Amino acid sequence: MELYAGMDLHSRNTYIGIMDDALNRVFKKRVPNDLDQILQTLTPFQDQLKGFVVESTFNWYWLVDGLVDAGYSGAHLANPAAIKQYEGLKYSDDQHDAFFLAKLLILGILPEGYIYPKEHRPVRDLARKRMFLVRHKTANILSLQSFLQRCCAIKLSANDTRKLTVETLEEWLKEEYLVLTAQASLDTITFLKEKIKCLERAIIKRVKLRKGFKQLLTIPGIGNILAMTIMLEVGDINRFRKVGNFVSYCRCVPSQRLSDGKSKGVGNRKNGNRYLSWALTEAAQLGRRYNEPFRRYYNRKVAQANTSLATKALGNKLARICYYVMRDRVPFRKELTSH
């Protein structure tokens, strides 16, 4: 008899539901999030267990890796954003969810997430931390710019803001507490800038652009860091069957729902990879500055809508270009802009 396990993973415990291939419930138990206890619970079923599925929550690494290292095969990661349960259900709990995951796996209709290779995860997470710090640095720059404009009607560019000194702040603001407020932002910007460079050096030292990704550097707007970010987030480009799948994963498609030309709400905006979305937005901003065809395309979209939608549209085009460049391992050429 073949068995399959569904695991409803939470922050403190995991509910385990085991079914046979005839969809009969064989075992159920809630277990604390301790790998030894979970392995002990599953040991009686190990020889018959042909597969297990864990919901893709924020904390799945330790459970999936631990089970695989312990010799359990058939690991699957469920994509919760793509799982739609029957809406007529009056009651649902952890037990139901665990068995529902196992049932989807047995029937072969489980919407799956990508189990990113364990050996590449640490440097990917380091790249994500770098992005996190970049966003905070930008937030502090904007905060300081707004503060100076509010207090003394001085409008600075981002480059000018980075060159500020405490002496300049004292000259402009004069009042002690205003200077301290501005200095807090300035010191934070300096600290984050140094930390970002430190992480970049570590990433570049550890990661070399793989053969299929080197051609990303030929795309206007994409340099070493963005190319590495895209490579680390994509993993295996062949997991995307079509360009549309990749563009959707990058959050570069509209999430609006339409019926008879009328808006009926929005879809799941959080479905996809927010880090790729950020990287392609950055690439779009840089690409329109240094590439004339990209700039013309951006300006046309601005005339039709606004700068935000124009940036998103250019990001969509760049996502499509990246897909073909990575899949076919070819350099960027103007013909790709027509895709």
C-alpha atoms as a PDB file:
ATOM      1  CA  MET A   1       0.000   0.000   0.000  1.00  0.00           C
ATOM      2  CA  GLU A   2       1.360   3.390  -1.012  1.00  0.00           C
ATOM      3  CA  LEU A   3       0.981   6.279   1.415  1.00  0.00           C
ATOM      4  CA  TYR A   4       1.139  10.051   0.958  1.00  0.00           C
ATOM      5  CA  ALA A   5       1.499  12.716   3.643  1.00  0.00           C
ATOM      6  CA  GLY A   6       0.089  16.233   3.713  1.00  0.00           C
ATOM      7  CA  MET A   7       1.683  18.631   6.194  1.00  0.00           C
ATOM      8  CA  ASP A   8      -0.078  21.796   7.268  1.00  0.00           C
ATOM      9  CA  LEU A   9       2.897  23.798   8.542  1.00  0.00           C
ATOM     10  CA  HIS A  10       2.475  26.635  11.063  1.00  0.00           C
ATOM     11  CA  SER A  11       4.926  28.744  13.048  1.00  0.00           C
ATOM     12  CA  ARG A  12       4.824  26.465  16.120  1.00  0.00           C
ATOM     13  CA  ASN A  13       3.452  23.117  14.991  1.00  0.00           C
ATOM     14  CA  THR A  14       2.685  20.929  11.988  1.00  0.00           C
ATOM     15  CA  TYR A  15      -0.468  18.921  11.417  1.00  0.00           C
ATOM     16  CA  ILE A  16       0.327  15.669   9.613  1.00  0.00           C
ATOM     17  CA  GLY A  17      -2.333  13.815   7.626  1.00  0.00           C
ATOM     18  CA  ILE A  18      -1.477  10.527   5.877  1.00  0.00           C
ATOM     19  CA  MET A  19      -3.685   8.915   3.200  1.00  0.00           C
ATOM     20  CA  ASP A  20      -3.382   5.807   1.072  1.00  0.00           C
ATOM     21  CA  ASP A  21      -3.716   5.842  -2.713  1.00  0.00           C
ATOM     22  CA  ALA A  22      -7.438   5.012  -2.360  1.00  0.00           C
ATOM     23  CA  LEU A  23      -7.919   8.312  -0.448  1.00  0.00           C
ATOM     24  CA  ASN A  24      -8.506   6.578   2.876  1.00  0.00           C
ATOM     25  CA  ARG A  25      -7.263   8.432   5.933  1.00  0.00           C
ATOM     26  CA  VAL A  26      -4.572   6.362   7.650  1.00  0.00           C
ATOM     27  CA  PHE A  27      -3.048   8.653  10.284  1.00  0.00           C
ATOM     28  CA  LYS A  28      -3.381  12.135  11.715  1.00  0.00           C
ATOM     29  CA  LYS A  29      -1.496  14.026  14.404  1.00  0.00           C
ATOM     30  CA  ARG A  30      -0.411  17.528  15.394  1.00  0.00           C
ATOM     31  CA  VAL A  31       3.320  17.652  16.153  1.00  0.00           C
ATOM     32  CA  PRO A  32       5.466  20.527  17.521  1.00  0.00           C
ATOM     33  CA  ASN A  33       7.902  22.065  15.047  1.00  0.00           C
ATOM     34  CA  ASP A  34      10.773  19.844  16.098  1.00  0.00           C
ATOM     35  CA  LEU A  35      12.417  17.789  13.351  1.00  0.00           C
ATOM     36  CA  ASP A  36      13.251  14.851  15.637  1.00  0.00           C
ATOM     37  CA  GLN A  37       9.642  14.555  16.791  1.00  0.00           C
ATOM     38  CA  ILE A  38       8.334  14.760  13.228  1.00  0.00           C
ATOM     39  CA  LEU A  39      10.788  12.094  12.051  1.00  0.00           C
ATOM     40  CA  GLN A  40       9.802   9.891  14.977  1.00  0.00           C
ATOM     41  CA  THR A  41       6.127  10.319  14.064  1.00  0.00           C
ATOM     42  CA  LEU A  42       6.731   9.361  10.423  1.00  0.00           C
ATOM     43  CA  THR A  43       9.135   6.441  11.069  1.00  0.00           C
ATOM     44  CA  PRO A  44       6.414   3.708  11.118  1.00  0.00           C
ATOM     45  CA  PHE A  45       5.290   4.816   7.641  1.00  0.00           C
ATOM     46  CA  GLN A  46       8.673   5.541   6.020  1.00  0.00           C
ATOM     47  CA  ASP A  47       8.878   2.408   3.857  1.00  0.00           C
ATOM     48  CA  GLN A  48       5.382   2.970   2.441  1.00  0.00           C
ATOM     49  CA  LEU A  49       5.531   6.761   2.128  1.00  0.00           C
ATOM     50  CA  LYS A  50       5.869   7.567  -1.572  1.00  0.00           C
ATOM     51  CA  GLY A  51       5.531  11.316  -1.297  1.00  0.00           C
ATOM     52  CA  PHE A  52       4.891  14.205   1.045  1.00  0.00           C
ATOM     53  CA  VAL A  53       3.695  17.751   0.490  1.00  0.00           C
ATOM     54  CA  VAL A  54       4.395  20.823   2.605  1.00  0.00           C
ATOM     55  CA  GLU A  55       2.641  24.147   2.142  1.00  0.00           C
ATOM     56  CA  SER A  56       4.989  26.881   0.936  1.00  0.00           C
ATOM     57  CA  THR A  57       4.990  29.055   4.039  1.00  0.00           C
ATOM     58  CA  PHE A  58       7.737  31.395   5.235  1.00  0.00           C
ATOM     59  CA  ASN A  59       9.371  28.624   7.289  1.00  0.00           C
ATOM     60  CA  TRP A  60       9.417  25.540   5.024  1.00  0.00           C
ATOM     61  CA  TYR A  61      13.216  25.215   4.582  1.00  0.00           C
ATOM     62  CA  TRP A  62      13.978  23.227   7.729  1.00  0.00           C
ATOM     63  CA  LEU A  63      11.106  20.755   7.311  1.00  0.00           C
ATOM     64  CA  VAL A  64      11.567  19.889   3.633  1.00  0.00           C
ATOM     65  CA  ASP A  65      15.380  19.742   3.922  1.00  0.00           C
ATOM     66  CA  GLY A  66      15.207  17.685   7.109  1.00  0.00           C
ATOM     67  CA  LEU A  67      12.869  15.100   5.589  1.00  0.00           C
ATOM     68  CA  VAL A  68      14.908  14.835   2.389  1.00  0.00           C
ATOM     69  CA  ASP A  69      18.151  14.429   4.381  1.00  0.00           C
ATOM     70  CA  ALA A  70      16.454  11.707   6.442  1.00  0.00           C
ATOM     71  CA  GLY A  71      15.790   9.690   3.283  1.00  0.00           C
ATOM     72  CA  TYR A  72      12.205  10.638   2.474  1.00  0.00           C
ATOM     73  CA  SER A  73      11.666  10.909  -1.276  1.00  0.00           C
ATOM     74  CA  GLY A  74       8.903  12.546  -3.281  1.00  0.00           C
ATOM     75  CA  ALA A  75       9.148  16.020  -1.740  1.00  0.00           C
ATOM     76  CA  HIS A  76       6.558  18.524  -2.979  1.00  0.00           C
ATOM     77  CA  LEU A  77       5.947  22.162  -2.111  1.00  0.00           C
ATOM     78  CA  ALA A  78       2.349  23.347  -2.420  1.00  0.00           C
ATOM     79  CA  ASN A  79       1.652  26.785  -3.866  1.00  0.00           C
ATOM     80  CA  PRO A  80      -1.060  28.165  -1.525  1.00  0.00           C
ATOM     81  CA  ALA A  81      -1.884  31.062  -3.857  1.00  0.00           C
ATOM     82  CA  ALA A  82      -2.986  28.600  -6.566  1.00  0.00           C
ATOM     83  CA  ILE A  83      -4.964  26.229  -4.321  1.00  0.00           C
ATOM     84  CA  LYS A  84      -8.684  26.912  -4.344  1.00  0.00           C
ATOM     85  CA  GLN A  85     -10.827  24.838  -2.003  1.00  0.00           C
ATOM     86  CA  TYR A  86     -14.485  24.151  -2.520  1.00  0.00           C
ATOM     87  CA  GLU A  87     -16.296  27.353  -1.521  1.00  0.00           C
ATOM     88  CA  GLY A  88     -19.352  25.519  -0.210  1.00  0.00           C
ATOM     89  CA  LEU A  89     -17.441  24.166   2.780  1.00  0.00           C
ATOM     90  CA  LYS A  90     -18.973  25.230   6.088  1.00  0.00           C
ATOM     91  CA  TYR A  91     -16.023  24.142   8.195  1.00  0.00           C
ATOM     92  CA  SER A  92     -12.317  23.806   7.643  1.00  0.00           C
ATOM     93  CA  ASP A  93      -9.437  23.232  10.044  1.00  0.00           C
ATOM     94  CA  ASP A  94      -5.804  22.098  10.099  1.00  0.00           C
ATOM     95  CA  GLN A  95      -6.771  18.422   9.839  1.00  0.00           C
ATOM     96  CA  HIS A  96      -8.881  19.104   6.755  1.00  0.00           C
ATOM     97  CA  ASP A  97      -6.103  21.192   5.178  1.00  0.00           C
ATOM     98  CA  ALA A  98      -3.458  18.497   5.725  1.00  0.00           C
ATOM     99  CA  PHE A  99      -5.581  15.756   4.162  1.00  0.00           C
ATOM    100  CA  PHE A 100      -6.620  18.101   1.348  1.00  0.00           C
ATOM    101  CA  LEU A 101      -2.936  18.598   0.424  1.00  0.00           C
ATOM    102  CA  ALA A 102      -2.363  14.833   0.455  1.00  0.00           C
ATOM    103  CA  LYS A 103      -5.462  14.317  -1.694  1.00  0.00           C
ATOM    104  CA  LEU A 104      -4.310  16.824  -4.310  1.00  0.00           C
ATOM    105  CA  LEU A 105      -0.928  15.069  -4.437  1.00  0.00           C
ATOM    106  CA  ILE A 106      -2.514  11.628  -4.922  1.00  0.00           C
ATOM    107  CA  LEU A 107      -4.813  12.915  -7.676  1.00  0.00           C
ATOM    108  CA  GLY A 108      -1.914  14.607  -9.446  1.00  0.00           C
ATOM    109  CA  ILE A 109      -3.515  18.060  -9.392  1.00  0.00           C
ATOM    110  CA  LEU A 110      -1.362  19.726  -6.732  1.00  0.00           C
ATOM    111  CA  PRO A 111      -0.324  23.292  -7.725  1.00  0.00           C
ATOM    112  CA  GLU A 112       3.368  23.142  -6.872  1.00  0.00           C
ATOM    113  CA  GLY A 113       5.926  25.702  -5.810  1.00  0.00           C
ATOM    114  CA  TYR A 114       9.583  25.489  -6.747  1.00  0.00           C
ATOM    115  CA  ILE A 115      11.910  23.797  -4.254  1.00  0.00           C
ATOM    116  CA  TYR A 116      14.956  25.990  -4.722  1.00  0.00           C
ATOM    117  CA  PRO A 117      18.226  23.990  -4.526  1.00  0.00           C
ATOM    118  CA  LYS A 118      19.496  23.935  -0.953  1.00  0.00           C
ATOM    119  CA  GLU A 119      23.097  24.741  -1.888  1.00  0.00           C
ATOM    120  CA  HIS A 120      22.147  28.004  -3.620  1.00  0.00           C
ATOM    121  CA  ARG A 121      19.702  29.311  -1.015  1.00  0.00           C
ATOM    122  CA  PRO A 122      22.192  31.035   1.346  1.00  0.00           C
ATOM    123  CA  VAL A 123      23.574  33.381  -1.312  1.00  0.00           C
ATOM    124  CA  ARG A 124      20.082  34.029  -2.693  1.00  0.00           C
ATOM    125  CA  ASP A 125      18.926  35.037   0.781  1.00  0.00           C
ATOM    126  CA  LEU A 126      22.001  37.279   1.083  1.00  0.00           C
ATOM    127  CA  ALA A 127      21.016  38.978  -2.185  1.00  0.00           C
ATOM    128  CA  ARG A 128      17.508  39.444  -0.798  1.00  0.00           C
ATOM    129  CA  LYS A 129      18.931  41.051   2.328  1.00  0.00           C
ATOM    130  CA  ARG A 130      20.869  43.437   0.100  1.00  0.00           C
ATOM    131  CA  MET A 131      17.620  44.440  -1.638  1.00  0.00           C
ATOM    132  CA  PHE A 132      15.990  44.941   1.745  1.00  0.00           C
ATOM    133  CA  LEU A 133      18.775  47.335   2.781  1.00  0.00           C
ATOM    134  CA  VAL A 134      18.625  49.181  -0.557  1.00  0.00           C
ATOM    135  CA  ARG A 135      14.928  49.888  -0.032  1.00  0.00           C
ATOM    136  CA  HIS A 136      15.601  51.197   3.474  1.00  0.00           C
ATOM    137  CA  LYS A 137      18.412  53.404   2.194  1.00  0.00           C
ATOM    138  CA  THR A 138      16.075  54.859  -0.438  1.00  0.00           C
ATOM    139  CA  ALA A 139      13.399  55.446   2.211  1.00  0.00           C
ATOM    140  CA  ASN A 140      15.869  57.377   4.368  1.00  0.00           C
ATOM    141  CA  ILE A 141      17.057  59.460   1.403  1.00  0.00           C
ATOM    142  CA  LEU A 142      13.456  60.415   0.575  1.00  0.00           C
ATOM    143  CA  SER A 143      12.740  61.165   4.233  1.00  0.00           C
ATOM    144  CA  LEU A 144      15.769  63.473   4.483  1.00  0.00           C
ATOM    145  CA  GLN A 145      14.896  65.239   1.228  1.00  0.00           C
ATOM    146  CA  SER A 146      11.348  65.835   2.423  1.00  0.00           C
ATOM    147  CA  PHE A 147      12.558  67.061   5.817  1.00  0.00           C
ATOM    148  CA  LEU A 148      14.964  69.621   4.313  1.00  0.00           C
ATOM    149  CA  GLN A 149      12.387  70.874   1.863  1.00  0.00           C
ATOM    150  CA  ARG A 150       9.847  71.250   4.666  1.00  0.00           C
ATOM    151  CA  CYS A 151      12.192  73.049   7.077  1.00  0.00           C
ATOM    152  CA  CYS A 152      14.245  75.284   4.807  1.00  0.00           C
ATOM    153  CA  ALA A 153      12.788  75.023   1.273  1.00  0.00           C
ATOM    154  CA  ILE A 154      15.904  73.283  -0.054  1.00  0.00           C
ATOM    155  CA  LYS A 155      15.286  70.645  -2.713  1.00  0.00           C
ATOM    156  CA  LEU A 156      18.119  68.187  -3.276  1.00  0.00           C
ATOM    157  CA  SER A 157      18.686  65.368  -5.722  1.00  0.00           C
ATOM    158  CA  ALA A 158      19.566  61.903  -4.453  1.00  0.00           C
ATOM    159  CA  ASN A 159      23.240  62.428  -5.351  1.00  0.00           C
ATOM    160  CA  ASP A 160      23.371  65.767  -3.541  1.00  0.00           C
ATOM    161  CA  THR A 161      21.704  64.194  -0.503  1.00  0.00           C
ATOM    162  CA  ARG A 162      24.422  61.540  -0.274  1.00  0.00           C
ATOM    163  CA  LYS A 163      27.119  64.258  -0.240  1.00  0.00           C
ATOM    164  CA  LEU A 164      25.649  66.129   2.715  1.00  0.00           C
ATOM    165  CA  THR A 165      27.737  66.702   5.837  1.00  0.00           C
ATOM    166  CA  VAL A 166      26.791  67.504   9.410  1.00  0.00           C
ATOM    167  CA  GLU A 167      28.327  70.957   8.992  1.00  0.00           C
ATOM    168  CA  THR A 168      26.009  71.684   6.055  1.00  0.00           C
ATOM    169  CA  LEU A 169      23.001  70.531   8.047  1.00  0.00           C
ATOM    170  CA  GLU A 170      23.968  72.794  10.964  1.00  0.00           C
ATOM    171  CA  GLU A 171      24.332  75.739   8.604  1.00  0.00           C
ATOM    172  CA  TRP A 172      20.917  75.173   7.027  1.00  0.00           C
ATOM    173  CA  LEU A 173      18.825  74.071   9.996  1.00  0.00           C
ATOM    174  CA  LYS A 174      20.514  75.929  12.891  1.00  0.00           C
ATOM    175  CA  GLU A 175      18.171  74.520  15.578  1.00  0.00           C
ATOM    176  CA  GLU A 176      19.766  71.636  17.526  1.00  0.00           C
ATOM    177  CA  TYR A 177      16.872  69.161  17.405  1.00  0.00           C
ATOM    178  CA  LEU A 178      16.271  69.722  13.701  1.00  0.00           C
ATOM    179  CA  VAL A 179      19.935  68.960  13.056  1.00  0.00           C
ATOM    180  CA  LEU A 180      19.709  65.774  15.133  1.00  0.00           C
ATOM    181  CA  THR A 181      16.656  64.654  13.157  1.00  0.00           C
ATOM    182  CA  ALA A 182      18.403  65.182   9.831  1.00  0.00           C
ATOM    183  CA  GLN A 183      21.654  63.672  11.085  1.00  0.00           C
ATOM    184  CA  ALA A 184      19.833  60.475  12.112  1.00  0.00           C
ATOM    185  CA  SER A 185      18.768  59.965   8.488  1.00  0.00           C
ATOM    186  CA  LEU A 186      22.208  60.906   7.159  1.00  0.00           C
ATOM    187  CA  ASP A 187      24.016  58.485   9.495  1.00  0.00           C
ATOM    188  CA  THR A 188      21.593  55.713   8.581  1.00  0.00           C
ATOM    189  CA  ILE A 189      22.174  56.317   4.851  1.00  0.00           C
ATOM    190  CA  THR A 190      25.950  56.157   5.355  1.00  0.00           C
ATOM    191  CA  PHE A 191      25.724  52.953   7.408  1.00  0.00           C
ATOM    192  CA  LEU A 192      23.400  51.251   4.937  1.00  0.00           C
ATOM    193  CA  LYS A 193      25.588  52.276   2.001  1.00  0.00           C
ATOM    194  CA  GLU A 194      28.632  50.630   3.599  1.00  0.00           C
ATOM    195  CA  LYS A 195      26.681  47.495   4.537  1.00  0.00           C
ATOM    196  CA  ILE A 196      25.256  47.178   1.004  1.00  0.00           C
ATOM    197  CA  LYS A 197      28.765  47.356  -0.485  1.00  0.00           C
ATOM    198  CA  CYS A 198      29.917  44.705   1.985  1.00  0.00           C
ATOM    199  CA  LEU A 199      27.121  42.352   0.936  1.00  0.00           C
ATOM    200  CA  GLU A 200      27.773  43.043  -2.747  1.00  0.00           C
ATOM    201  CA  ARG A 201      31.426  42.063  -2.338  1.00  0.00           C
ATOM    202  CA  ALA A 202      30.398  38.834  -0.621  1.00  0.00           C
ATOM    203  CA  ILE A 203      27.853  38.005  -3.343  1.00  0.00           C
ATOM    204  CA  ILE A 204      30.292  38.696  -6.195  1.00  0.00           C
ATOM    205  CA  LYS A 205      32.983  36.639  -4.430  1.00  0.00           C
ATOM    206  CA  ARG A 206      30.657  33.653  -4.042  1.00  0.00           C
ATOM    207  CA  VAL A 207      28.608  33.786  -7.226  1.00  0.00           C
ATOM    208  CA  LYS A 208      29.710  33.607 -10.813  1.00  0.00           C
ATOM    209  CA  LEU A 209      27.132  34.177 -13.512  1.00  0.00           C
ATOM    210  CA  ARG A 210      26.269  30.776 -14.934  1.00  0.00           C
ATOM    211  CA  LYS A 211      26.575  30.262 -18.668  1.00  0.00           C
ATOM    212  CA  GLY A 212      22.886  30.689 -19.353  1.00  0.00           C
ATOM    213  CA  PHE A 213      22.797  34.003 -17.504  1.00  0.00           C
ATOM    214  CA  LYS A 214      25.940  35.786 -18.740  1.00  0.00           C
ATOM    215  CA  GLN A 215      23.997  37.142 -21.703  1.00  0.00           C
ATOM    216  CA  LEU A 216      21.815  39.156 -19.300  1.00  0.00           C
ATOM    217  CA  LEU A 217      24.648  41.693 -19.115  1.00  0.00           C
ATOM    218  CA  THR A 218      24.033  42.574 -22.768  1.00  0.00           C
ATOM    219  CA  ILE A 219      20.547  43.908 -21.951  1.00  0.00           C
ATOM    220  CA  PRO A 220      20.478  47.707 -21.414  1.00  0.00           C
ATOM    221  CA  GLY A 221      19.792  48.526 -17.768  1.00  0.00           C
ATOM    222  CA  ILE A 222      21.096  45.230 -16.351  1.00  0.00           C
ATOM    223  CA  GLY A 223      24.494  45.170 -14.662  1.00  0.00           C
ATOM    224  CA  ASN A 224      26.299  42.618 -12.510  1.00  0.00           C
ATOM    225  CA  ILE A 225      24.131  42.941  -9.407  1.00  0.00           C
ATOM    226  CA  LEU A 226      20.792  42.879 -11.241  1.00  0.00           C
ATOM    227  CA  ALA A 227      21.958  39.981 -13.432  1.00  0.00           C
ATOM    228  CA  MET A 228      22.991  38.014 -10.355  1.00  0.00           C
ATOM    229  CA  THR A 229      19.720  38.852  -8.628  1.00  0.00           C
ATOM    230  CA  ILE A 230      17.710  37.606 -11.612  1.00  0.00           C
ATOM    231  CA  MET A 231      19.855  34.460 -11.873  1.00  0.00           C
ATOM    232  CA  LEU A 232      19.515  33.653  -8.166  1.00  0.00           C
ATOM    233  CA  GLU A 233      15.758  34.226  -8.135  1.00  0.00           C
ATOM    234  CA  VAL A 234      15.002  32.361 -11.369  1.00  0.00           C
ATOM    235  CA  GLY A 235      17.023  29.225 -10.661  1.00  0.00           C
ATOM    236  CA  ASP A 236      16.223  26.938 -13.597  1.00  0.00           C
ATOM    237  CA  ILE A 237      14.691  28.958 -16.433  1.00  0.00           C
ATOM    238  CA  ASN A 238      13.335  25.765 -18.010  1.00  0.00           C
ATOM    239  CA  ARG A 239      10.774  25.450 -15.216  1.00  0.00           C
ATOM    240  CA  PHE A 240       8.790  28.128 -17.075  1.00  0.00           C
ATOM    241  CA  ARG A 241       7.135  26.500 -20.102  1.00  0.00           C
ATOM    242  CA  LYS A 242       6.189  29.757 -21.805  1.00  0.00           C
ATOM    243  CA  VAL A 243       7.272  33.365 -21.667  1.00  0.00           C
ATOM    244  CA  GLY A 244       3.867  34.307 -20.234  1.00  0.00           C
ATOM    245  CA  ASN A 245       4.461  32.048 -17.237  1.00  0.00           C
ATOM    246  CA  PHE A 246       7.760  33.792 -16.533  1.00  0.00           C
ATOM    247  CA  VAL A 247       6.345  37.309 -16.962  1.00  0.00           C
ATOM    248  CA  SER A 248       3.490  36.460 -14.604  1.00  0.00           C
ATOM    249  CA  TYR A 249       5.957  35.073 -12.055  1.00  0.00           C
ATOM    250  CA  CYS A 250       7.798  38.408 -12.245  1.00  0.00           C
ATOM    251  CA  ARG A 251       4.535  40.240 -11.383  1.00  0.00           C
ATOM    252  CA  CYS A 252       4.714  42.111 -14.681  1.00  0.00           C
ATOM    253  CA  VAL A 253       1.160  41.423 -15.829  1.00  0.00           C
ATOM    254  CA  PRO A 254      -2.073  43.161 -14.746  1.00  0.00           C
ATOM    255  CA  SER A 255      -4.051  41.504 -11.956  1.00  0.00           C
ATOM    256  CA  GLN A 256      -7.323  43.188 -12.865  1.00  0.00           C
ATOM    257  CA  ARG A 257     -10.446  41.081 -13.471  1.00  0.00           C
ATOM    258  CA  LEU A 258     -12.690  42.254 -16.302  1.00  0.00           C
ATOM    259  CA  SER A 259     -16.148  41.209 -17.439  1.00  0.00           C
ATOM    260  CA  ASP A 260     -17.971  42.861 -20.350  1.00  0.00           C
ATOM    261  CA  GLY A 261     -15.289  45.541 -20.319  1.00  0.00           C
ATOM    262  CA  LYS A 262     -15.975  46.399 -16.687  1.00  0.00           C
ATOM    263  CA  SER A 263     -13.665  45.955 -13.721  1.00  0.00           C
ATOM    264  CA  LYS A 264     -14.770  43.210 -11.334  1.00  0.00           C
ATOM    265  CA  GLY A 265     -11.920  43.584  -8.866  1.00  0.00           C
ATOM    266  CA  VAL A 266      -8.312  42.430  -8.853  1.00  0.00           C
ATOM    267  CA  GLY A 267      -6.598  39.056  -8.810  1.00  0.00           C
ATOM    268  CA  ASN A 268      -3.855  37.863  -6.506  1.00  0.00           C
ATOM    269  CA  ARG A 269      -1.283  40.645  -6.734  1.00  0.00           C
ATOM    270  CA  LYS A 270       1.059  38.833  -4.347  1.00  0.00           C
ATOM    271  CA  ASN A 271       1.302  35.759  -6.563  1.00  0.00           C
ATOM    272  CA  GLY A 272       4.798  35.609  -8.031  1.00  0.00           C
ATOM    273  CA  ASN A 273       8.251  36.749  -7.043  1.00  0.00           C
ATOM    274  CA  ARG A 274       8.473  40.236  -5.535  1.00  0.00           C
ATOM    275  CA  TYR A 275      12.266  40.261  -5.790  1.00  0.00           C
ATOM    276  CA  LEU A 276      12.175  39.740  -9.554  1.00  0.00           C
ATOM    277  CA  SER A 277       9.515  42.436  -9.765  1.00  0.00           C
ATOM    278  CA  TRP A 278      11.849  44.833  -7.956  1.00  0.00           C
ATOM    279  CA  ALA A 279      14.856  43.882 -10.109  1.00  0.00           C
ATOM    280  CA  LEU A 280      12.966  44.414 -13.367  1.00  0.00           C
ATOM    281  CA  THR A 281      11.599  47.750 -12.154  1.00  0.00           C
ATOM    282  CA  GLU A 282      15.173  48.851 -11.433  1.00  0.00           C
ATOM    283  CA  ALA A 283      16.260  47.591 -14.854  1.00  0.00           C
ATOM    284  CA  ALA A 284      13.405  49.519 -16.488  1.00  0.00           C
ATOM    285  CA  GLN A 285      14.468  52.755 -14.774  1.00  0.00           C
ATOM    286  CA  LEU A 286      18.064  52.308 -15.909  1.00  0.00           C
ATOM    287  CA  GLY A 287      17.178  50.982 -19.357  1.00  0.00           C
ATOM    288  CA  ARG A 288      15.098  54.025 -20.312  1.00  0.00           C
ATOM    289  CA  ARG A 289      18.005  56.294 -19.398  1.00  0.00           C
ATOM    290  CA  TYR A 290      20.644  54.575 -21.506  1.00  0.00           C
ATOM    291  CA  ASN A 291      18.751  52.961 -24.387  1.00  0.00           C
ATOM    292  CA  GLU A 292      16.953  55.075 -26.983  1.00  0.00           C
ATOM    293  CA  PRO A 293      14.350  52.458 -28.108  1.00  0.00           C
ATOM    294  CA  PHE A 294      13.487  51.759 -24.479  1.00  0.00           C
ATOM    295  CA  ARG A 295      13.171  55.500 -23.821  1.00  0.00           C
ATOM    296  CA  ARG A 296      10.820  55.969 -26.789  1.00  0.00           C
ATOM    297  CA  TYR A 297       8.695  53.019 -25.664  1.00  0.00           C
ATOM    298  CA  TYR A 298       8.550  54.426 -22.120  1.00  0.00           C
ATOM    299  CA  ASN A 299       7.570  57.907 -23.361  1.00  0.00           C
ATOM    300  CA  ARG A 300       4.752  56.449 -25.481  1.00  0.00           C
ATOM    301  CA  LYS A 301       3.367  54.645 -22.438  1.00  0.00           C
ATOM    302  CA  VAL A 302       3.658  57.783 -20.310  1.00  0.00           C
ATOM    303  CA  ALA A 303       1.588  59.674 -22.888  1.00  0.00           C
ATOM    304  CA  GLN A 304      -1.069  56.937 -22.754  1.00  0.00           C
ATOM    305  CA  ALA A 305      -1.170  56.482 -18.975  1.00  0.00           C
ATOM    306  CA  ASN A 306       1.342  57.623 -16.325  1.00  0.00           C
ATOM    307  CA  THR A 307       4.941  57.089 -15.257  1.00  0.00           C
ATOM    308  CA  SER A 308       4.138  54.211 -12.908  1.00  0.00           C
ATOM    309  CA  LEU A 309       2.292  52.193 -15.559  1.00  0.00           C
ATOM    310  CA  ALA A 310       4.930  53.103 -18.133  1.00  0.00           C
ATOM    311  CA  THR A 311       7.674  51.696 -15.889  1.00  0.00           C
ATOM    312  CA  LYS A 312       5.612  48.533 -15.376  1.00  0.00           C
ATOM    313  CA  ALA A 313       5.094  48.187 -19.136  1.00  0.00           C
ATOM    314  CA  LEU A 314       8.810  48.518 -19.795  1.00  0.00           C
ATOM    315  CA  GLY A 315       9.469  46.010 -17.009  1.00  0.00           C
ATOM    316  CA  ASN A 316       7.099  43.607 -18.791  1.00  0.00           C
ATOM    317  CA  LYS A 317       9.060  44.008 -22.016  1.00  0.00           C
ATOM    318  CA  LEU A 318      12.363  43.483 -20.195  1.00  0.00           C
ATOM    319  CA  ALA A 319      10.999  40.333 -18.516  1.00  0.00           C
ATOM    320  CA  ARG A 320      10.164  38.916 -21.938  1.00  0.00           C
ATOM    321  CA  ILE A 321      13.596  39.818 -23.271  1.00  0.00           C
ATOM    322  CA  CYS A 322      15.266  38.226 -20.227  1.00  0.00           C
ATOM    323  CA  TYR A 323      13.301  35.017 -20.746  1.00  0.00           C
ATOM    324  CA  TYR A 324      14.463  34.505 -24.329  1.00  0.00           C
ATOM    325  CA  VAL A 325      18.024  35.572 -23.529  1.00  0.00           C
ATOM    326  CA  MET A 326      18.245  33.068 -20.651  1.00  0.00           C
ATOM    327  CA  ARG A 327      16.382  30.252 -22.375  1.00  0.00           C
ATOM    328  CA  ASP A 328      18.194  30.456 -25.707  1.00  0.00           C
ATOM    329  CA  ARG A 329      21.522  31.672 -24.242  1.00  0.00           C
ATOM    330  CA  VAL A 330      21.817  34.448 -26.790  1.00  0.00           C
ATOM    331  CA  PRO A 331      22.884  38.102 -26.350  1.00  0.00           C
ATOM    332  CA  PHE A 332      20.384  40.944 -26.478  1.00  0.00           C
ATOM    333  CA  ARG A 333      19.507  42.199 -29.939  1.00  0.00           C
ATOM    334  CA  LYS A 334      16.937  44.680 -31.140  1.00  0.00           C
ATOM    335  CA  GLU A 335      14.717  41.965 -32.629  1.00  0.00           C
ATOM    336  CA  LEU A 336      13.966  40.701 -29.091  1.00  0.00           C
ATOM    337  CA  THR A 337      12.156  43.955 -28.287  1.00  0.00           C
ATOM    338  CA  SER A 338       9.320  42.839 -30.554  1.00  0.00           C
ATOM    339  CA  HIS A 339       8.489  39.840 -28.328  1.00  0.00           C
END
